[in-house]
Amino acid sequence: MLQRLIAKLCVGFFLLNSQVLMATQQITVATFNVSMEAENYLPRGKRGSSQILIDILANGDHPQVKNIAAIIQRVRPDILLLNEFDYIADPKQGIEAFIKNYLNQPQAGSPPIDYPYYYYNTVNTGQPSPFDLDNDGAATGVGADAWGYGFYPGQYGMVLLSKYPIALDQVRTFQHFKWQDMPGHLVTTKADGSAWYSNDAWQQFPLSSKAHWDIPVQVDGITIHVLASHPTPPVFDGPENRNGKRNHDEIRFWADYVTSGQSGYIYDDQGSKGGLRGDARFVILGDLNASAEGEGDALQAGISALIKHQKVNSDFIPTSVGGAEHSPDREFGARHTAGWRMRADYVLPSRQGFNITYGGVFWPAKADADYPLVGTRDASSDHRLVWLTLQLTD
């Protein structure tokens, strides 16, 4: 009798633990350029500061931000990267206020959602340089003369939200990695063939227009490396294509980082060298501002190489009915993630450690009850939330 009882208890314990494991083996990972930077809330041409977002987050009643929260609550990702969320040094005024006053409140009929873990840090946008980086004859320190385009430090920042613990002591940041230290980097020159940037500027020039982050998230003892970034738009320059080349190399950084034989040159902001170990699980997240389909102005080679990388699983391409409806004359309209008709935002998991079970782009059709959440530029953002549901494998 005692042996039977022990056997039943063991079976019950095994089944209970198997159910818990199965419940947590599947996670939803998403990226969303939320356009929550000061100038989005001001008349065109007006300049602001992060204080504008601080006030909006404190009030909890801004309709655009409420719709952004509603979209997040509809999809309910477990891990979520927010691009264009202004850097606010005090988390209680910044990301914690967004969680408490918007995500923790029911929005548009959706139940609240909570993220007990988050990661954010400084970025290069709006960080003043002493140089005339755009060669217009004036070194203003802002706009195109900042190390990343912006008019105040932290504009167009980013933050990662997670339902699972983040190994904060193992985060690697590459905000200050110098562009010149990337072997084979694309060279920017003037019409006469001379260097676009002065020697002093080039010696200090960071690759990242915002930052590159490797954020280890712990899912039931399994480490998932979230590789987060937001490369510069490959436009707003001239024939020298300095932004297009920077975008290409910012994207290429991740392809090198996950390739053992190509990552030796990389160093992080703490001085550690090298990339990701060969068997590590990772998910590349962010608004990459580039399309492998040839839409937009990016240099295709960078994004194509990343998507086709042998360690990246890009077999499943998220789509939406709303995107196809928005661009009925475009072959790849269903894949678009931005209102300006391009696939710009990506969730790219490693082939090692995951199976993709589902995914999509939150872009409802006009007849859908949720369409008002994205119906205009001012409804939420000019980008759409993109997600994949991933099954963890051995």
Protein backbone atom coordinates (compact mmCIF):
# COMPACT_ATOMS: atom_id res chain seq x y z
CA MET A 1 0.00 0.00 0.00
CA LEU A 2 2.78 2.37 0.93
CA GLN A 3 4.58 1.70 -2.34
CA ARG A 4 1.36 2.39 -4.33
CA LEU A 5 0.82 5.65 -2.45
CA ILE A 6 4.38 6.75 -3.13
CA ALA A 7 4.00 5.82 -6.77
CA LYS A 8 0.76 7.86 -7.09
CA LEU A 9 2.39 10.84 -5.39
CA CYS A 10 5.36 10.65 -7.73
CA VAL A 11 3.10 10.47 -10.79
CA GLY A 12 1.03 13.39 -9.52
CA PHE A 13 4.13 15.43 -8.83
CA PHE A 14 5.45 14.66 -12.31
CA LEU A 15 2.17 15.63 -13.99
CA LEU A 16 1.88 18.85 -11.99
CA ASN A 17 5.41 19.89 -12.86
CA SER A 18 4.89 18.91 -16.49
CA GLN A 19 1.80 21.14 -16.64
CA VAL A 20 3.67 24.07 -15.13
CA LEU A 21 6.57 23.53 -17.52
CA MET A 22 4.29 23.30 -20.54
CA ALA A 23 2.48 26.46 -19.47
CA THR A 24 5.69 28.43 -19.36
CA GLN A 25 7.48 26.83 -22.31
CA GLN A 26 5.56 29.06 -24.71
CA ILE A 27 6.19 32.80 -24.63
CA THR A 28 5.09 35.75 -26.73
CA VAL A 29 7.79 38.23 -27.69
CA ALA A 30 6.99 41.59 -29.29
CA THR A 31 8.40 44.90 -30.46
CA PHE A 32 6.48 48.16 -30.71
CA ASN A 33 7.71 51.58 -31.81
CA VAL A 34 5.30 53.59 -29.66
CA SER A 35 6.39 57.07 -30.81
CA MET A 36 6.32 58.27 -27.20
CA GLU A 37 8.81 61.11 -27.62
CA ALA A 38 8.13 64.77 -26.92
CA GLU A 39 7.81 66.07 -30.47
CA ASN A 40 5.04 63.57 -31.18
CA TYR A 41 2.83 65.52 -28.75
CA LEU A 42 3.71 69.01 -30.03
CA PRO A 43 2.78 71.00 -33.15
CA ARG A 44 5.05 70.24 -36.07
CA GLY A 45 8.39 72.01 -35.78
CA LYS A 46 8.15 72.60 -32.04
CA ARG A 47 10.91 71.22 -29.80
CA GLY A 48 10.36 69.71 -26.39
CA SER A 49 12.02 67.65 -23.68
CA SER A 50 11.43 64.45 -21.76
CA GLN A 51 9.38 66.49 -19.27
CA ILE A 52 6.49 66.34 -21.71
CA LEU A 53 6.34 62.55 -21.47
CA ILE A 54 6.80 62.71 -17.69
CA ASP A 55 3.63 64.82 -17.41
CA ILE A 56 1.67 62.55 -19.75
CA LEU A 57 2.67 59.43 -17.84
CA ALA A 58 1.77 61.01 -14.49
CA ASN A 59 -1.75 61.94 -15.59
CA GLY A 60 -2.73 58.56 -17.00
CA ASP A 61 -5.36 60.06 -19.28
CA HIS A 62 -3.66 60.77 -22.60
CA PRO A 63 -5.84 59.15 -25.33
CA GLN A 64 -2.93 58.22 -27.59
CA VAL A 65 -1.00 56.53 -24.78
CA LYS A 66 -4.19 54.82 -23.56
CA ASN A 67 -4.58 53.31 -27.04
CA ILE A 68 -0.95 52.17 -27.02
CA ALA A 69 -1.61 50.46 -23.69
CA ALA A 70 -4.79 48.91 -25.09
CA ILE A 71 -2.86 47.40 -28.01
CA ILE A 72 -0.33 45.91 -25.61
CA GLN A 73 -3.15 44.52 -23.48
CA ARG A 74 -4.81 42.98 -26.54
CA VAL A 75 -1.67 41.07 -27.59
CA ARG A 76 -0.36 40.50 -24.03
CA PRO A 77 3.31 39.81 -24.82
CA ASP A 78 5.53 38.29 -22.16
CA ILE A 79 8.59 40.21 -23.37
CA LEU A 80 8.15 43.57 -25.08
CA LEU A 81 10.59 46.12 -26.50
CA LEU A 82 9.34 49.69 -26.74
CA ASN A 83 11.18 51.88 -29.25
CA GLU A 84 10.87 55.68 -29.16
CA PHE A 85 10.08 55.80 -25.45
CA ASP A 86 11.99 58.83 -24.17
CA TYR A 87 14.72 58.06 -21.66
CA ILE A 88 13.67 59.32 -18.22
CA ALA A 89 16.33 58.79 -15.57
CA ASP A 90 13.89 58.32 -12.68
CA PRO A 91 11.91 55.14 -13.42
CA LYS A 92 9.09 56.26 -11.11
CA GLN A 93 8.47 59.18 -13.49
CA GLY A 94 9.16 57.11 -16.58
CA ILE A 95 8.62 53.43 -17.24
CA GLU A 96 7.09 52.66 -13.83
CA ALA A 97 4.55 55.46 -14.34
CA PHE A 98 3.62 53.99 -17.74
CA ILE A 99 3.13 50.56 -16.19
CA LYS A 100 1.18 51.84 -13.18
CA ASN A 101 -0.98 54.53 -14.79
CA TYR A 102 -1.63 52.93 -18.18
CA LEU A 103 -0.79 49.22 -18.42
CA ASN A 104 -2.11 48.39 -14.93
CA GLN A 105 -5.41 50.08 -15.84
CA PRO A 106 -8.04 48.46 -18.10
CA GLN A 107 -8.01 50.12 -21.53
CA ALA A 108 -10.70 49.93 -24.20
CA GLY A 109 -12.22 46.80 -22.69
CA SER A 110 -8.97 44.90 -22.14
CA PRO A 111 -7.88 43.64 -18.72
CA PRO A 112 -4.80 45.24 -17.12
CA ILE A 113 -1.37 43.80 -17.71
CA ASP A 114 1.70 43.99 -15.48
CA TYR A 115 5.42 43.84 -16.12
CA PRO A 116 7.36 43.38 -12.87
CA TYR A 117 10.71 43.54 -14.66
CA TYR A 118 12.18 46.09 -17.04
CA TYR A 119 15.47 47.34 -18.44
CA TYR A 120 16.29 50.81 -19.73
CA ASN A 121 19.43 52.88 -20.10
CA THR A 122 20.86 55.95 -21.79
CA VAL A 123 21.05 56.22 -25.58
CA ASN A 124 23.03 58.30 -28.07
CA THR A 125 20.10 60.23 -29.52
CA GLY A 126 20.26 63.88 -28.54
CA GLN A 127 23.69 63.46 -26.95
CA PRO A 128 25.53 66.58 -28.15
CA SER A 129 28.74 66.32 -30.11
CA PRO A 130 31.13 69.27 -30.54
CA PHE A 131 31.37 68.63 -34.28
CA ASP A 132 29.60 69.64 -37.47
CA LEU A 133 28.54 66.09 -38.30
CA ASP A 134 26.17 67.01 -41.14
CA ASN A 135 28.69 69.42 -42.75
CA ASP A 136 26.27 72.32 -43.02
CA GLY A 137 28.79 74.81 -41.67
CA ALA A 138 27.53 74.97 -38.07
CA ALA A 139 28.22 72.71 -35.09
CA THR A 140 24.97 73.01 -33.15
CA GLY A 141 25.31 69.94 -30.91
CA VAL A 142 21.69 68.94 -31.58
CA GLY A 143 19.66 67.40 -34.39
CA ALA A 144 22.03 65.93 -36.97
CA ASP A 145 25.02 67.22 -34.98
CA ALA A 146 24.17 65.02 -31.99
CA TRP A 147 25.78 61.56 -31.82
CA GLY A 148 22.33 60.20 -32.67
CA TYR A 149 19.71 62.46 -34.24
CA GLY A 150 17.74 64.21 -31.52
CA PHE A 151 17.21 67.53 -29.77
CA TYR A 152 17.63 66.46 -26.15
CA PRO A 153 19.46 63.53 -24.53
CA GLY A 154 17.34 60.39 -24.51
CA GLN A 155 14.90 61.39 -27.23
CA TYR A 156 13.73 58.27 -29.12
CA GLY A 157 15.01 56.02 -26.30
CA MET A 158 13.94 52.44 -25.64
CA VAL A 159 12.95 50.13 -22.80
CA LEU A 160 12.38 46.40 -22.39
CA LEU A 161 9.42 45.09 -20.37
CA SER A 162 9.29 41.51 -19.13
CA LYS A 163 7.09 39.18 -17.11
CA TYR A 164 10.21 37.14 -16.41
CA PRO A 165 13.29 38.12 -14.39
CA ILE A 166 16.09 40.00 -16.13
CA ALA A 167 19.69 39.18 -15.21
CA LEU A 168 20.62 42.83 -14.77
CA ASP A 169 24.17 42.03 -13.73
CA GLN A 170 24.73 40.23 -17.06
CA VAL A 171 23.33 42.90 -19.41
CA ARG A 172 25.78 44.03 -22.08
CA THR A 173 25.47 47.46 -23.67
CA PHE A 174 27.29 48.71 -26.76
CA GLN A 175 26.25 52.35 -26.79
CA HIS A 176 29.85 53.59 -27.02
CA PHE A 177 31.30 51.03 -29.43
CA LYS A 178 33.13 53.09 -32.09
CA TRP A 179 32.00 52.75 -35.68
CA GLN A 180 35.62 52.83 -36.88
CA ASP A 181 36.31 49.63 -34.90
CA MET A 182 33.97 47.52 -37.05
CA PRO A 183 36.11 45.73 -39.66
CA GLY A 184 34.89 46.48 -43.17
CA HIS A 185 32.58 49.30 -42.07
CA LEU A 186 30.98 51.32 -44.84
CA VAL A 187 32.89 54.52 -45.59
CA THR A 188 31.19 57.90 -45.94
CA THR A 189 32.86 60.39 -48.27
CA LYS A 190 32.22 63.80 -49.77
CA ALA A 191 31.74 64.32 -53.50
CA ASP A 192 35.48 64.87 -53.94
CA GLY A 193 36.28 61.54 -52.27
CA SER A 194 37.56 63.01 -49.00
CA ALA A 195 36.30 61.78 -45.64
CA TRP A 196 32.87 63.07 -44.64
CA TYR A 197 33.69 63.29 -40.93
CA SER A 198 36.68 65.13 -39.54
CA ASN A 199 39.37 62.91 -38.03
CA ASP A 200 38.56 64.12 -34.50
CA ALA A 201 34.86 63.41 -34.97
CA TRP A 202 35.49 59.97 -36.50
CA GLN A 203 37.70 58.93 -33.59
CA GLN A 204 34.75 59.46 -31.23
CA PHE A 205 31.83 58.46 -33.48
CA PRO A 206 29.66 55.64 -32.00
CA LEU A 207 28.15 53.02 -34.26
CA SER A 208 24.81 53.02 -32.43
CA SER A 209 22.43 55.87 -33.18
CA LYS A 210 20.61 54.87 -29.97
CA ALA A 211 22.23 51.78 -28.42
CA HIS A 212 22.65 48.03 -28.85
CA TRP A 213 21.67 45.94 -25.81
CA ASP A 214 22.06 42.24 -24.98
CA ILE A 215 19.53 41.66 -22.19
CA PRO A 216 19.40 38.13 -20.68
CA VAL A 217 15.87 37.19 -19.61
CA GLN A 218 15.42 34.13 -17.37
CA VAL A 219 12.42 31.97 -18.32
CA ASP A 220 12.19 29.12 -15.79
CA GLY A 221 15.95 28.81 -15.62
CA ILE A 222 16.42 29.16 -19.37
CA THR A 223 18.32 32.23 -20.59
CA ILE A 224 16.98 34.12 -23.61
CA HIS A 225 19.22 36.90 -24.90
CA VAL A 226 17.08 39.81 -26.09
CA LEU A 227 19.16 41.73 -28.63
CA ALA A 228 17.54 45.17 -28.78
CA SER A 229 18.30 48.15 -31.00
CA HIS A 230 16.79 50.88 -33.15
CA PRO A 231 19.08 51.74 -36.09
CA THR A 232 18.89 55.20 -37.60
CA PRO A 233 16.47 55.82 -40.48
CA PRO A 234 18.46 55.54 -43.72
CA VAL A 235 17.20 58.94 -44.92
CA PHE A 236 17.43 62.64 -44.00
CA ASP A 237 20.95 62.95 -45.44
CA GLY A 238 22.34 63.52 -48.95
CA PRO A 239 24.20 61.77 -51.76
CA GLU A 240 26.87 60.67 -49.25
CA ASN A 241 24.19 58.42 -47.66
CA ARG A 242 25.77 58.66 -44.20
CA ASN A 243 22.55 57.53 -42.48
CA GLY A 244 21.99 54.67 -44.91
CA LYS A 245 25.50 53.38 -44.27
CA ARG A 246 25.13 53.71 -40.52
CA ASN A 247 21.80 51.86 -40.64
CA HIS A 248 23.44 49.05 -42.62
CA ASP A 249 26.30 48.66 -40.15
CA GLU A 250 24.03 48.92 -37.09
CA ILE A 251 22.07 45.97 -38.46
CA ARG A 252 25.24 44.12 -39.46
CA PHE A 253 26.44 44.41 -35.85
CA TRP A 254 23.90 41.79 -34.72
CA ALA A 255 24.81 39.43 -37.57
CA ASP A 256 28.43 39.60 -36.43
CA TYR A 257 27.51 39.40 -32.74
CA VAL A 258 25.80 36.01 -33.10
CA THR A 259 28.59 34.60 -35.32
CA SER A 260 31.50 33.21 -33.32
CA GLY A 261 34.09 33.71 -36.05
CA GLN A 262 33.10 37.29 -36.73
CA SER A 263 32.47 38.76 -33.27
CA GLY A 264 36.00 38.98 -31.90
CA TYR A 265 36.28 42.71 -32.64
CA ILE A 266 33.23 43.62 -30.57
CA TYR A 267 33.66 45.16 -27.12
CA ASP A 268 30.94 46.31 -24.74
CA ASP A 269 30.70 49.41 -22.58
CA GLN A 270 32.25 47.50 -19.68
CA GLY A 271 35.30 46.49 -21.75
CA SER A 272 34.43 42.80 -22.28
CA LYS A 273 35.15 41.51 -25.78
CA GLY A 274 33.42 39.08 -28.10
CA GLY A 275 29.88 38.18 -29.07
CA LEU A 276 27.27 35.62 -28.11
CA ARG A 277 28.30 32.04 -27.44
CA GLY A 278 27.42 29.58 -30.15
CA ASP A 279 24.53 27.71 -28.48
CA ALA A 280 22.76 30.69 -26.86
CA ARG A 281 19.08 31.35 -27.45
CA PHE A 282 18.40 34.87 -28.69
CA VAL A 283 15.68 37.08 -30.12
CA ILE A 284 16.61 40.16 -32.16
CA LEU A 285 14.03 42.89 -31.52
CA GLY A 286 13.43 46.38 -32.76
CA ASP A 287 12.53 48.92 -35.38
CA LEU A 288 15.38 48.23 -37.79
CA ASN A 289 14.26 50.84 -40.35
CA ALA A 290 15.07 48.52 -43.25
CA SER A 291 13.25 46.17 -45.60
CA ALA A 292 14.65 43.09 -47.29
CA GLU A 293 11.83 43.35 -49.85
CA GLY A 294 13.38 46.48 -51.37
CA GLU A 295 10.82 48.91 -50.01
CA GLY A 296 12.19 52.10 -48.48
CA ASP A 297 15.68 53.57 -48.79
CA ALA A 298 17.85 51.20 -46.74
CA LEU A 299 20.82 49.35 -48.16
CA GLN A 300 19.28 45.92 -48.59
CA ALA A 301 22.47 43.97 -47.98
CA GLY A 302 22.45 44.57 -44.21
CA ILE A 303 18.89 43.47 -43.42
CA SER A 304 19.00 40.65 -45.99
CA ALA A 305 22.14 39.19 -44.43
CA LEU A 306 20.58 39.29 -40.98
CA ILE A 307 17.31 37.69 -42.05
CA LYS A 308 19.12 34.98 -44.04
CA HIS A 309 21.68 34.32 -41.30
CA GLN A 310 22.00 30.59 -40.60
CA LYS A 311 21.31 31.13 -36.89
CA VAL A 312 18.20 33.29 -37.42
CA ASN A 313 14.77 31.76 -37.95
CA SER A 314 12.95 34.06 -40.35
CA ASP A 315 10.73 31.36 -41.88
CA PHE A 316 7.55 32.82 -40.39
CA ILE A 317 6.80 36.39 -41.49
CA PRO A 318 4.19 38.22 -39.34
CA THR A 319 1.33 39.72 -41.35
CA SER A 320 -1.94 41.56 -40.89
CA VAL A 321 -5.22 42.05 -42.71
CA GLY A 322 -5.03 45.78 -42.03
CA GLY A 323 -1.63 46.14 -43.66
CA ALA A 324 -2.81 44.40 -46.82
CA GLU A 325 -5.91 46.58 -46.86
CA HIS A 326 -3.82 49.74 -46.34
CA SER A 327 -1.60 48.94 -49.36
CA PRO A 328 -3.67 46.85 -51.77
CA ASP A 329 -1.32 47.68 -54.64
CA ARG A 330 1.82 46.53 -52.80
CA GLU A 331 2.99 42.92 -53.10
CA PHE A 332 4.19 42.88 -49.50
CA GLY A 333 1.49 45.04 -47.95
CA ALA A 334 0.41 42.35 -45.49
CA ARG A 335 3.96 42.34 -44.06
CA HIS A 336 4.10 46.09 -43.47
CA THR A 337 4.62 47.24 -39.91
CA ALA A 338 4.49 51.00 -40.45
CA GLY A 339 1.86 53.36 -41.81
CA TRP A 340 4.35 54.60 -44.40
CA ARG A 341 4.21 51.19 -46.09
CA MET A 342 7.24 49.09 -45.21
CA ARG A 343 8.29 46.19 -43.04
CA ALA A 344 10.48 48.02 -40.55
CA ASP A 345 9.95 46.21 -37.22
CA TYR A 346 11.25 42.72 -36.47
CA VAL A 347 11.09 39.81 -34.05
CA LEU A 348 13.83 37.42 -35.17
CA PRO A 349 14.44 34.37 -32.95
CA SER A 350 17.39 32.03 -33.11
CA ARG A 351 16.85 28.66 -34.76
CA GLN A 352 18.46 27.13 -31.70
CA GLY A 353 16.02 26.79 -28.80
CA PHE A 354 12.71 27.84 -30.36
CA ASN A 355 9.88 26.78 -32.62
CA ILE A 356 7.66 29.55 -33.95
CA THR A 357 4.01 28.67 -33.31
CA TYR A 358 2.24 31.88 -34.32
CA GLY A 359 2.66 35.61 -34.77
CA GLY A 360 1.29 38.70 -36.39
CA VAL A 361 1.17 42.46 -36.80
CA PHE A 362 -1.47 44.32 -34.80
CA TRP A 363 -3.18 46.07 -37.68
CA PRO A 364 -6.94 45.40 -37.70
CA ALA A 365 -9.03 45.82 -40.83
CA LYS A 366 -11.20 48.93 -41.10
CA ALA A 367 -14.31 46.88 -40.34
CA ASP A 368 -12.77 45.53 -37.12
CA ALA A 369 -13.89 46.98 -33.80
CA ASP A 370 -10.21 47.54 -32.87
CA TYR A 371 -9.44 49.61 -35.96
CA PRO A 372 -9.78 52.96 -34.12
CA LEU A 373 -6.71 51.99 -32.08
CA VAL A 374 -4.59 52.42 -35.24
CA GLY A 375 -6.94 54.31 -37.56
CA THR A 376 -4.96 57.56 -37.69
CA ARG A 377 -1.40 58.67 -36.98
CA ASP A 378 -2.57 60.28 -33.74
CA ALA A 379 -4.52 57.21 -32.60
CA SER A 380 -1.42 55.43 -31.31
CA SER A 381 1.74 55.32 -33.46
CA ASP A 382 2.87 55.28 -37.07
CA HIS A 383 4.21 51.77 -36.35
CA ARG A 384 2.37 48.60 -35.43
CA LEU A 385 3.11 46.11 -32.68
CA VAL A 386 4.74 42.93 -34.07
CA TRP A 387 4.83 39.66 -32.15
CA LEU A 388 5.78 36.00 -32.32
CA THR A 389 4.70 33.19 -30.01
CA LEU A 390 7.67 30.91 -29.42
CA GLN A 391 7.80 27.37 -28.09
CA LEU A 392 10.99 26.71 -26.15
CA THR A 393 12.81 23.57 -27.27
CA ASP A 394 15.91 21.70 -26.17
